[in-house]
Amino acid sequence: DRQMLYERMCKNMQKDRARHNILPLSKFGLMQITRQRVRPVMDVDVDEDCPTCFGTGKIHSSILFTDQLERKIDRLVNKVGVKKFYLHVHPYVAAYINKGFISLKRKWQMRYGLGVNIIPSQKLAYLQYEFYDANKQFIDMKEQSDKS
């Protein structure tokens, strides 16, 4: 009976595309089956605990934040035509953007040929940002994204 059960399980698992391993029944009547995943998980949760409220809330991933900023800068330069502006961000984010010899700020300056000044602002939340033009007038990026 044990051998027939083992062979039947092997036969049933032949259709499975995932790599698997089946061990015969143990003396306690347990069968061990290992199976490797074929497809990666499509729904990946990238939210992080909020550093401002010490983990009681969730924020979007800080890894994706600089990509979002760069898309906004691209829209600001190419669609709106602003060549010099001030970017107000949380001090932690400002330190990250200015970090290193070839910082994100320098990459943006080379890529878009513009004057960008990163201003740390304590009044902004961790992943908030504001754009100001050369005359220090607020640029409403929500309004700009609606137009494009």
Protein backbone atom coordinates (compact mmCIF):
# COMPACT_ATOMS: atom_id res chain seq x y z
CA ASP A 1 0.00 0.00 0.00
CA ARG A 2 2.79 2.44 0.89
CA GLN A 3 4.59 1.81 -2.40
CA MET A 4 1.36 2.19 -4.41
CA LEU A 5 0.61 5.52 -2.70
CA TYR A 6 4.14 6.76 -3.40
CA GLU A 7 3.94 5.75 -7.09
CA ARG A 8 0.48 7.34 -7.43
CA MET A 9 1.78 10.64 -6.00
CA CYS A 10 4.76 10.56 -8.38
CA LYS A 11 2.38 9.97 -11.30
CA ASN A 12 0.07 12.82 -10.23
CA MET A 13 2.97 15.23 -9.79
CA GLN A 14 4.36 14.56 -13.29
CA LYS A 15 1.98 17.19 -14.72
CA ASP A 16 3.34 19.82 -12.35
CA ARG A 17 5.82 22.13 -14.13
CA ALA A 18 7.48 23.19 -10.89
CA ARG A 19 10.58 21.36 -9.78
CA HIS A 20 9.58 19.02 -6.98
CA ASN A 21 10.80 16.16 -4.83
CA ILE A 22 8.68 13.41 -3.29
CA LEU A 23 9.97 11.16 -0.54
CA PRO A 24 8.40 7.77 0.33
CA LEU A 25 6.17 7.45 3.37
CA SER A 26 7.96 7.52 6.71
CA LYS A 27 7.38 4.94 9.41
CA PHE A 28 4.78 7.38 10.85
CA GLY A 29 2.86 7.49 7.56
CA LEU A 30 4.00 10.99 6.54
CA MET A 31 4.95 11.87 2.97
CA GLN A 32 7.30 14.80 2.37
CA ILE A 33 6.82 16.82 -0.81
CA THR A 34 8.95 19.83 -1.68
CA ARG A 35 7.95 22.12 -4.51
CA GLN A 36 9.77 25.10 -6.03
CA ARG A 37 7.77 28.10 -7.21
CA VAL A 38 7.52 28.65 -10.95
CA ARG A 39 6.14 32.19 -11.13
CA PRO A 40 7.24 35.11 -9.00
CA VAL A 41 4.69 36.79 -6.78
CA MET A 42 3.01 39.58 -8.75
CA ASP A 43 1.62 41.59 -5.84
CA VAL A 44 4.61 42.84 -3.87
CA ASP A 45 3.90 45.16 -0.94
CA VAL A 46 6.52 47.92 -0.96
CA ASP A 47 4.99 50.17 1.70
CA GLU A 48 7.22 51.02 4.66
CA ASP A 49 6.55 52.00 8.25
CA CYS A 50 6.29 55.77 8.65
CA PRO A 51 9.45 57.21 10.29
CA THR A 52 7.60 60.35 11.42
CA CYS A 53 4.94 58.59 13.50
CA PHE A 54 7.29 55.73 14.49
CA GLY A 55 5.60 52.98 12.54
CA THR A 56 1.93 53.57 13.29
CA GLY A 57 1.25 54.48 9.65
CA LYS A 58 2.43 53.38 6.22
CA ILE A 59 4.17 55.37 3.49
CA HIS A 60 5.01 54.55 -0.10
CA SER A 61 8.44 53.06 -0.66
CA SER A 62 11.27 55.56 -0.30
CA ILE A 63 13.18 53.62 -2.95
CA LEU A 64 10.68 54.74 -5.57
CA PHE A 65 10.54 58.34 -4.31
CA THR A 66 13.58 59.59 -6.23
CA ASP A 67 12.19 58.06 -9.43
CA GLN A 68 8.95 59.93 -8.84
CA LEU A 69 10.91 63.15 -8.25
CA GLU A 70 12.87 62.65 -11.46
CA ARG A 71 9.65 62.19 -13.46
CA LYS A 72 8.36 65.46 -11.99
CA ILE A 73 11.63 67.23 -12.88
CA ASP A 74 11.45 65.84 -16.41
CA ARG A 75 7.90 67.16 -16.77
CA LEU A 76 8.92 70.51 -15.27
CA VAL A 77 11.84 70.94 -17.68
CA ASN A 78 10.43 69.45 -20.89
CA LYS A 79 6.71 70.30 -20.68
CA VAL A 80 6.64 73.49 -18.59
CA GLY A 81 10.04 74.84 -19.73
CA VAL A 82 11.50 75.72 -16.32
CA LYS A 83 15.32 75.65 -16.38
CA LYS A 84 16.14 76.83 -12.86
CA PHE A 85 14.18 75.92 -9.75
CA TYR A 86 14.32 75.16 -6.05
CA LEU A 87 13.27 71.76 -4.75
CA HIS A 88 12.18 71.79 -1.10
CA VAL A 89 12.32 68.34 0.54
CA HIS A 90 12.62 66.80 4.00
CA PRO A 91 16.20 67.13 5.40
CA TYR A 92 16.77 63.34 5.22
CA VAL A 93 15.80 63.29 1.56
CA ALA A 94 17.94 66.39 0.88
CA ALA A 95 20.96 64.66 2.42
CA TYR A 96 20.34 61.59 0.23
CA ILE A 97 19.99 63.67 -2.95
CA ASN A 98 23.19 65.64 -2.21
CA LYS A 99 25.20 62.60 -1.03
CA GLY A 100 28.42 61.71 -2.86
CA PHE A 101 30.58 63.30 -5.55
CA ILE A 102 28.23 62.16 -8.32
CA SER A 103 25.04 62.84 -6.40
CA LEU A 104 21.50 62.62 -7.71
CA LYS A 105 21.49 66.41 -7.86
CA ARG A 106 24.55 66.41 -10.11
CA LYS A 107 23.09 63.67 -12.32
CA TRP A 108 19.91 65.70 -12.73
CA GLN A 109 21.95 68.80 -13.59
CA MET A 110 23.90 66.90 -16.25
CA ARG A 111 20.85 65.11 -17.66
CA TYR A 112 18.58 68.14 -17.90
CA GLY A 113 21.19 70.93 -18.12
CA LEU A 114 19.57 72.97 -15.42
CA GLY A 115 20.15 74.75 -12.16
CA VAL A 116 18.51 72.87 -9.34
CA ASN A 117 18.89 73.86 -5.72
CA ILE A 118 17.92 71.35 -3.05
CA ILE A 119 16.52 73.08 0.02
CA PRO A 120 16.00 71.04 3.22
CA SER A 121 12.69 71.96 4.82
CA GLN A 122 11.69 70.74 8.26
CA LYS A 123 8.04 71.65 7.65
CA LEU A 124 7.67 68.95 4.97
CA ALA A 125 6.85 65.35 5.77
CA TYR A 126 9.29 62.59 4.85
CA LEU A 127 8.11 62.03 1.26
CA GLN A 128 6.70 65.48 0.52
CA TYR A 129 8.28 67.95 -1.86
CA GLU A 130 7.61 71.39 -3.31
CA PHE A 131 8.95 73.11 -6.42
CA TYR A 132 9.69 76.84 -6.61
CA ASP A 133 10.86 78.77 -9.67
CA ALA A 134 13.89 81.12 -9.85
CA ASN A 135 11.74 83.94 -8.41
CA LYS A 136 10.81 81.67 -5.50
CA GLN A 137 7.20 81.37 -6.65
CA PHE A 138 5.49 78.07 -5.84
CA ILE A 139 5.01 75.75 -8.84
CA ASP A 140 1.90 73.61 -8.49
CA MET A 141 2.90 70.26 -10.03
CA LYS A 142 -0.59 68.80 -9.55
CA GLU A 143 -1.93 71.49 -11.86
CA GLN A 144 0.90 70.82 -14.32
CA SER A 145 0.21 67.07 -14.38
CA ASP A 146 -3.47 67.74 -15.15
CA LYS A 147 -2.54 69.80 -18.22
CA SER A 148 -0.26 67.16 -19.76
